[in-house]
């Protein structure tokens, strides 16, 4: 099969012919129809995440059809439409797994990082960690929901029920979260790179009440803020923007160093927290939610062999919405 393979961090992906994987016990073989390009993929490729499996096939926002069943698989049938997310396997035995926090399992395996992912024509996944998707729906439009949507949803829950919500970095995740937040009756304030008028217009089209540069204060104090951009300097900026008791959620898996800031910016019971990975329960709740709150994703299609181009455009901030690789094209 064709796959885009990372041999060493910091190097471009290589288009290779590799053996089609075989599903083991409890696993399914999925024919990939769409795989969105996530900023986490960029962190893996650029070497910002430690100890990836090498060589590795990136990609963890996967939509496809079940093309093979390993021994012992239950509840999945051939041809079924499924989604394969970032969380690929957990031990099920540690304190974190036993207390509903499998996202923190120290032995967890992650799709496209410690397990081969979806920048390929086929991928093998643990059937227990796949999401069953309805037959209806466009695969390309669905693919970003498998991480941008799921991590965005977990971040929104962490942010609490506050009405005035700030989103720092308005890309694939934020444009999904903004639509959900608006449906919940919240007011969304979008913060982009200073002077990025295209991104600000994009935010306004996808539910933001106000959009401006991260160097601008919001029109009113925020109840909560979610930082999607991997920029540590935004943490004190967001703290200054939230009101007393406000929450600042750092949604990324990697962020540049957070600079020092005066304690008064944290005082009055402001809180900073991070979001790590996702749980299967997050996925179940999220996909139930979007049955009632339809979400439209903005996507741009790329052929599998264009993965390096898609990553480069993401790195340069030249994408609106999500890039999606389509292995069957080209």
Protein backbone atom coordinates (compact mmCIF):
# COMPACT_ATOMS: atom_id res chain seq x y z
CA UNK A 1 0.00 0.00 0.00
CA UNK A 2 1.03 3.64 -0.34
CA UNK A 3 1.93 5.56 2.81
CA UNK A 4 3.63 8.79 3.80
CA UNK A 5 6.34 7.75 6.24
CA UNK A 6 8.39 9.75 8.74
CA UNK A 7 11.89 8.26 8.98
CA UNK A 8 13.38 10.90 11.28
CA UNK A 9 11.90 14.02 12.91
CA UNK A 10 12.75 17.19 11.04
CA UNK A 11 12.76 15.45 7.66
CA UNK A 12 9.99 15.51 5.04
CA UNK A 13 7.65 12.55 4.88
CA UNK A 14 8.50 9.99 2.20
CA UNK A 15 5.92 8.39 -0.09
CA UNK A 16 6.62 4.65 0.12
CA UNK A 17 5.14 1.31 -0.83
CA UNK A 18 4.84 -0.60 2.45
CA UNK A 19 3.17 -3.93 3.30
CA UNK A 20 -0.53 -3.69 4.06
CA UNK A 21 -0.88 -4.26 7.81
CA UNK A 22 -2.70 -7.30 9.20
CA UNK A 23 -5.13 -6.90 12.11
CA UNK A 24 -4.17 -8.82 15.24
CA UNK A 25 -6.45 -10.01 18.05
CA UNK A 26 -9.07 -7.37 18.84
CA UNK A 27 -7.99 -5.19 15.90
CA UNK A 28 -9.63 -4.06 12.67
CA UNK A 29 -8.13 -3.16 9.32
CA UNK A 30 -9.56 0.14 8.09
CA UNK A 31 -9.40 1.35 4.50
CA UNK A 32 -8.72 5.06 4.89
CA UNK A 33 -10.99 7.35 2.90
CA UNK A 34 -10.00 10.61 4.64
CA UNK A 35 -7.42 11.67 7.22
CA UNK A 36 -7.32 15.24 8.45
CA UNK A 37 -4.00 16.96 9.12
CA UNK A 38 -3.66 18.00 12.76
CA UNK A 39 -1.19 20.33 14.42
CA UNK A 40 -0.14 17.36 16.55
CA UNK A 41 1.07 15.69 13.35
CA UNK A 42 3.22 18.77 12.81
CA UNK A 43 4.66 18.44 16.33
CA UNK A 44 5.53 14.78 15.60
CA UNK A 45 7.13 15.58 12.24
CA UNK A 46 9.05 18.57 13.61
CA UNK A 47 10.40 16.57 16.56
CA UNK A 48 8.59 18.55 19.24
CA UNK A 49 7.08 15.40 20.77
CA UNK A 50 9.58 12.93 22.27
CA UNK A 51 10.08 9.27 21.44
CA UNK A 52 7.80 8.61 18.46
CA UNK A 53 7.79 5.14 16.94
CA UNK A 54 10.24 5.35 14.04
CA UNK A 55 9.64 4.97 11.24
CA UNK A 56 6.03 6.04 11.75
CA UNK A 57 3.05 6.83 9.55
CA UNK A 58 1.42 9.98 11.01
CA UNK A 59 -2.27 10.83 11.11
CA UNK A 60 -4.99 10.36 13.71
CA UNK A 61 -8.15 12.01 12.35
CA UNK A 62 -9.14 9.00 10.29
CA UNK A 63 -12.40 8.06 8.61
CA UNK A 64 -12.73 4.83 6.69
CA UNK A 65 -14.44 1.50 6.24
CA UNK A 66 -13.65 -1.75 8.02
CA UNK A 67 -11.81 -3.98 5.54
CA UNK A 68 -10.64 -6.77 7.86
CA UNK A 69 -11.37 -8.24 11.29
CA UNK A 70 -8.81 -9.69 13.67
CA UNK A 71 -9.59 -12.60 15.99
CA UNK A 72 -12.03 -11.83 18.80
CA UNK A 73 -13.42 -8.56 17.41
CA UNK A 74 -17.00 -7.94 18.51
CA UNK A 75 -19.50 -5.21 17.65
CA UNK A 76 -17.87 -4.30 14.32
CA UNK A 77 -18.75 -5.65 10.90
CA UNK A 78 -17.07 -5.59 7.53
CA UNK A 79 -17.77 -2.42 5.57
CA UNK A 80 -18.77 -0.44 8.67
CA UNK A 81 -17.90 3.26 8.66
CA UNK A 82 -15.61 4.09 11.59
CA UNK A 83 -13.43 6.86 12.93
CA UNK A 84 -9.96 6.26 14.36
CA UNK A 85 -8.82 8.93 16.88
CA UNK A 86 -5.57 9.90 18.61
CA UNK A 87 -6.11 7.59 21.62
CA UNK A 88 -5.29 4.16 20.22
CA UNK A 89 -4.96 1.90 23.28
CA UNK A 90 -4.79 2.02 27.08
CA UNK A 91 -3.92 -0.60 29.67
CA UNK A 92 -7.31 -0.56 31.42
CA UNK A 93 -5.66 -1.51 34.72
CA UNK A 94 -3.92 1.57 36.14
CA UNK A 95 -5.51 4.05 38.56
CA UNK A 96 -6.16 6.51 35.73
CA UNK A 97 -7.96 3.92 33.60
CA UNK A 98 -9.91 2.61 36.56
CA UNK A 99 -11.17 6.09 37.51
CA UNK A 100 -12.40 7.25 34.10
CA UNK A 101 -9.18 9.06 33.19
CA UNK A 102 -7.82 6.77 30.50
CA UNK A 103 -6.52 9.87 28.70
CA UNK A 104 -3.77 9.97 31.36
CA UNK A 105 -2.78 6.29 31.17
CA UNK A 106 1.01 6.09 31.36
CA UNK A 107 1.06 3.11 28.99
CA UNK A 108 -1.30 4.64 26.41
CA UNK A 109 -0.59 4.27 22.72
CA UNK A 110 -1.42 7.02 20.24
CA UNK A 111 -2.38 6.77 16.58
CA UNK A 112 0.15 8.33 14.24
CA UNK A 113 2.73 8.67 17.04
CA UNK A 114 3.37 5.36 18.82
CA UNK A 115 1.12 3.42 16.40
CA UNK A 116 1.03 3.85 12.65
CA UNK A 117 -1.68 6.25 11.54
CA UNK A 118 -3.80 7.32 8.63
CA UNK A 119 -1.44 8.97 6.14
CA UNK A 120 -1.84 5.70 4.23
CA UNK A 121 -4.32 3.63 2.28
CA UNK A 122 -4.95 1.31 5.25
CA UNK A 123 -4.49 1.43 9.01
CA UNK A 124 -4.86 -1.13 11.79
CA UNK A 125 -6.65 0.00 14.95
CA UNK A 126 -7.87 -1.52 18.21
CA UNK A 127 -11.60 -2.03 17.62
CA UNK A 128 -12.43 -0.85 21.16
CA UNK A 129 -10.99 2.60 20.45
CA UNK A 130 -12.70 3.19 17.12
CA UNK A 131 -15.85 5.28 16.96
CA UNK A 132 -18.81 3.81 15.08
CA UNK A 133 -19.96 6.47 12.62
CA UNK A 134 -23.32 6.66 10.87
CA UNK A 135 -23.31 5.57 7.24
CA UNK A 136 -24.49 9.01 6.17
CA UNK A 137 -22.11 11.94 6.04
CA UNK A 138 -19.14 13.12 4.03
CA UNK A 139 -15.88 11.47 5.06
CA UNK A 140 -13.75 14.55 4.33
CA UNK A 141 -16.03 16.81 6.39
CA UNK A 142 -16.10 14.27 9.23
CA UNK A 143 -12.35 13.65 9.52
CA UNK A 144 -11.48 16.88 11.47
CA UNK A 145 -14.05 15.92 14.11
CA UNK A 146 -11.82 13.01 15.18
CA UNK A 147 -9.35 15.35 16.94
CA UNK A 148 -10.07 19.02 16.32
CA UNK A 149 -13.65 18.30 17.31
CA UNK A 150 -12.94 15.90 20.16
CA UNK A 151 -10.14 17.89 21.81
CA UNK A 152 -12.09 21.09 21.19
CA UNK A 153 -15.10 19.56 22.95
CA UNK A 154 -13.01 18.39 25.94
CA UNK A 155 -11.49 21.88 26.16
CA UNK A 156 -14.93 23.49 26.06
CA UNK A 157 -16.11 21.29 28.92
CA UNK A 158 -12.97 22.17 30.91
CA UNK A 159 -13.65 25.86 30.31
CA UNK A 160 -16.88 25.60 32.27
CA UNK A 161 -20.29 27.12 31.59
CA UNK A 162 -19.19 30.75 31.31
CA UNK A 163 -21.08 32.80 28.74
CA UNK A 164 -18.22 34.93 27.36
CA UNK A 165 -15.67 32.62 25.74
CA UNK A 166 -12.35 33.61 24.15
CA UNK A 167 -10.65 31.39 21.56
CA UNK A 168 -6.96 32.06 20.93
CA UNK A 169 -5.88 30.67 17.58
CA UNK A 170 -8.77 30.23 15.18
CA UNK A 171 -8.14 27.15 13.09
CA UNK A 172 -9.55 23.65 12.73
CA UNK A 173 -10.52 23.15 16.38
CA UNK A 174 -11.72 26.69 17.11
CA UNK A 175 -14.05 26.87 14.11
CA UNK A 176 -15.81 23.73 15.42
CA UNK A 177 -15.90 24.86 19.05
CA UNK A 178 -17.25 28.28 18.09
CA UNK A 179 -20.26 26.70 16.41
CA UNK A 180 -21.03 24.53 19.44
CA UNK A 181 -20.53 27.44 21.85
CA UNK A 182 -22.89 29.65 19.87
CA UNK A 183 -25.53 26.90 19.88
CA UNK A 184 -25.16 26.80 23.68
CA UNK A 185 -25.92 30.51 23.88
CA UNK A 186 -22.37 31.69 24.52
CA UNK A 187 -20.68 34.77 23.08
CA UNK A 188 -17.46 33.90 21.25
CA UNK A 189 -14.47 36.22 20.98
CA UNK A 190 -11.77 35.12 18.52
CA UNK A 191 -8.10 36.07 18.82
CA UNK A 192 -5.78 35.58 15.82
CA UNK A 193 -2.25 36.53 14.88
CA UNK A 194 -2.05 40.33 14.94
CA UNK A 195 -3.09 41.79 11.62
CA UNK A 196 -4.44 38.52 10.21
CA UNK A 197 -7.62 39.93 8.73
CA UNK A 198 -8.38 36.77 6.73
CA UNK A 199 -8.39 34.67 9.90
CA UNK A 200 -10.57 37.23 11.65
CA UNK A 201 -13.12 37.18 8.83
CA UNK A 202 -13.03 33.38 8.93
CA UNK A 203 -13.81 33.52 12.66
CA UNK A 204 -16.71 35.90 12.15
CA UNK A 205 -18.17 33.58 9.52
CA UNK A 206 -18.01 30.65 11.94
CA UNK A 207 -19.76 32.06 14.96
CA UNK A 208 -17.47 34.64 16.53
CA UNK A 209 -19.20 37.76 17.84
CA UNK A 210 -15.90 39.68 17.73
CA UNK A 211 -12.51 38.94 16.17
CA UNK A 212 -9.22 40.72 16.63
CA UNK A 213 -5.49 40.22 17.09
CA UNK A 214 -4.08 38.63 20.21
CA UNK A 215 -2.48 42.01 20.91
CA UNK A 216 -5.95 43.52 21.40
CA UNK A 217 -8.08 43.33 24.55
CA UNK A 218 -11.59 41.89 24.15
CA UNK A 219 -14.52 44.34 24.25
CA UNK A 220 -15.48 42.94 27.68
CA UNK A 221 -13.88 40.62 30.24
CA UNK A 222 -14.11 36.92 29.42
CA UNK A 223 -15.47 34.18 31.64
CA UNK A 224 -13.10 31.64 30.09
CA UNK A 225 -10.53 31.30 27.32
CA UNK A 226 -9.22 28.34 25.34
CA UNK A 227 -5.76 28.58 23.80
CA UNK A 228 -5.42 26.46 20.66
CA UNK A 229 -2.28 28.17 19.33
CA UNK A 230 0.91 26.48 20.64
CA UNK A 231 2.24 29.80 21.91
CA UNK A 232 3.13 30.05 25.61
CA UNK A 233 3.17 33.86 25.47
CA UNK A 234 -0.62 33.74 25.11
CA UNK A 235 -1.16 32.34 28.62
CA UNK A 236 -0.57 35.64 30.47
CA UNK A 237 -2.46 37.43 27.68
CA UNK A 238 -5.47 35.19 28.25
CA UNK A 239 -5.21 35.57 32.03
CA UNK A 240 -5.40 39.33 31.65
CA UNK A 241 -8.48 38.93 29.46
CA UNK A 242 -10.51 36.74 31.83
CA UNK A 243 -12.50 38.10 34.73
CA UNK A 244 -12.25 37.08 38.37
CA UNK A 245 -12.64 33.33 38.76
CA UNK A 246 -11.97 32.87 35.04
CA UNK A 247 -10.55 29.71 33.48
CA UNK A 248 -7.76 29.54 30.88
CA UNK A 249 -7.52 26.18 29.10
CA UNK A 250 -4.36 25.23 27.20
CA UNK A 251 -5.69 22.82 24.57
CA UNK A 252 -2.53 21.76 22.75
CA UNK A 253 -0.27 18.77 23.31
CA UNK A 254 2.77 21.02 22.88
CA UNK A 255 3.32 24.69 23.65
CA UNK A 256 6.31 26.99 23.71
CA UNK A 257 7.53 28.07 27.13
CA UNK A 258 5.21 30.24 29.20
CA UNK A 259 6.94 33.48 30.22
CA UNK A 260 6.90 34.77 33.77
CA UNK A 261 4.05 37.09 34.67
CA UNK A 262 2.93 39.01 37.76
CA UNK A 263 0.95 37.04 40.31
CA UNK A 264 -1.85 39.63 40.11
CA UNK A 265 -2.76 38.24 36.68
CA UNK A 266 -3.51 34.87 38.29
CA UNK A 267 -4.95 36.21 41.54
CA UNK A 268 -8.68 36.45 42.29
CA UNK A 269 -9.10 32.72 41.69
CA UNK A 270 -8.22 32.62 38.01
CA UNK A 271 -7.19 29.12 36.89
CA UNK A 272 -4.91 27.70 34.22
CA UNK A 273 -5.29 24.07 33.16
CA UNK A 274 -4.21 21.84 30.28
CA UNK A 275 -6.06 19.26 28.23
CA UNK A 276 -4.35 15.93 27.62
CA UNK A 277 -5.62 13.59 24.94
CA UNK A 278 -9.22 12.37 25.08
CA UNK A 279 -11.32 9.57 26.49
CA UNK A 280 -13.73 7.31 24.64
CA UNK A 281 -16.49 8.86 26.72
CA UNK A 282 -15.56 12.29 25.30
CA UNK A 283 -16.12 10.86 21.85
CA UNK A 284 -19.46 9.31 22.71
CA UNK A 285 -20.70 12.58 24.23
CA UNK A 286 -19.36 14.68 21.37
CA UNK A 287 -20.89 12.62 18.59
CA UNK A 288 -24.22 12.58 20.42
CA UNK A 289 -24.02 16.36 20.80
CA UNK A 290 -23.43 17.07 17.13
CA UNK A 291 -26.51 15.04 16.26
CA UNK A 292 -28.44 17.88 17.90
CA UNK A 293 -26.03 20.69 17.03
CA UNK A 294 -24.99 20.27 13.41
CA UNK A 295 -21.41 21.39 12.86
CA UNK A 296 -20.04 22.37 9.46
CA UNK A 297 -16.32 21.88 8.99
CA UNK A 298 -14.35 23.85 6.44
CA UNK A 299 -11.84 21.62 4.70
CA UNK A 300 -9.33 21.62 1.87
CA UNK A 301 -8.57 18.34 0.12
CA UNK A 302 -5.06 17.09 -0.60
CA UNK A 303 -3.84 13.91 -2.25
CA UNK A 304 -1.88 11.54 -0.04
CA UNK A 305 1.40 12.46 -1.70
CA UNK A 306 0.73 16.14 -0.91
CA UNK A 307 1.01 15.57 2.85
CA UNK A 308 4.22 17.60 3.11
CA UNK A 309 2.53 20.52 1.35
CA UNK A 310 -0.43 20.34 3.72
CA UNK A 311 1.88 20.29 6.75
CA UNK A 312 3.91 23.22 5.40
CA UNK A 313 0.79 25.30 4.91
CA UNK A 314 -0.40 24.45 8.42
CA UNK A 315 3.01 25.40 9.82
CA UNK A 316 2.86 28.74 8.00
CA UNK A 317 -0.69 29.52 9.13
CA UNK A 318 -1.95 29.42 5.54
CA UNK A 319 -4.94 27.15 6.10
CA UNK A 320 -8.48 28.09 7.04
CA UNK A 321 -10.22 25.15 8.63
CA UNK A 322 -8.59 21.75 8.14
CA UNK A 323 -6.47 20.08 5.47
CA UNK A 324 -7.66 16.55 4.70
CA UNK A 325 -5.68 13.86 2.90
CA UNK A 326 -7.64 11.59 0.54
CA UNK A 327 -5.58 8.42 -0.10
CA UNK A 328 -7.91 7.19 -2.86
CA UNK A 329 -7.20 10.27 -5.00
CA UNK A 330 -4.21 10.64 -7.25
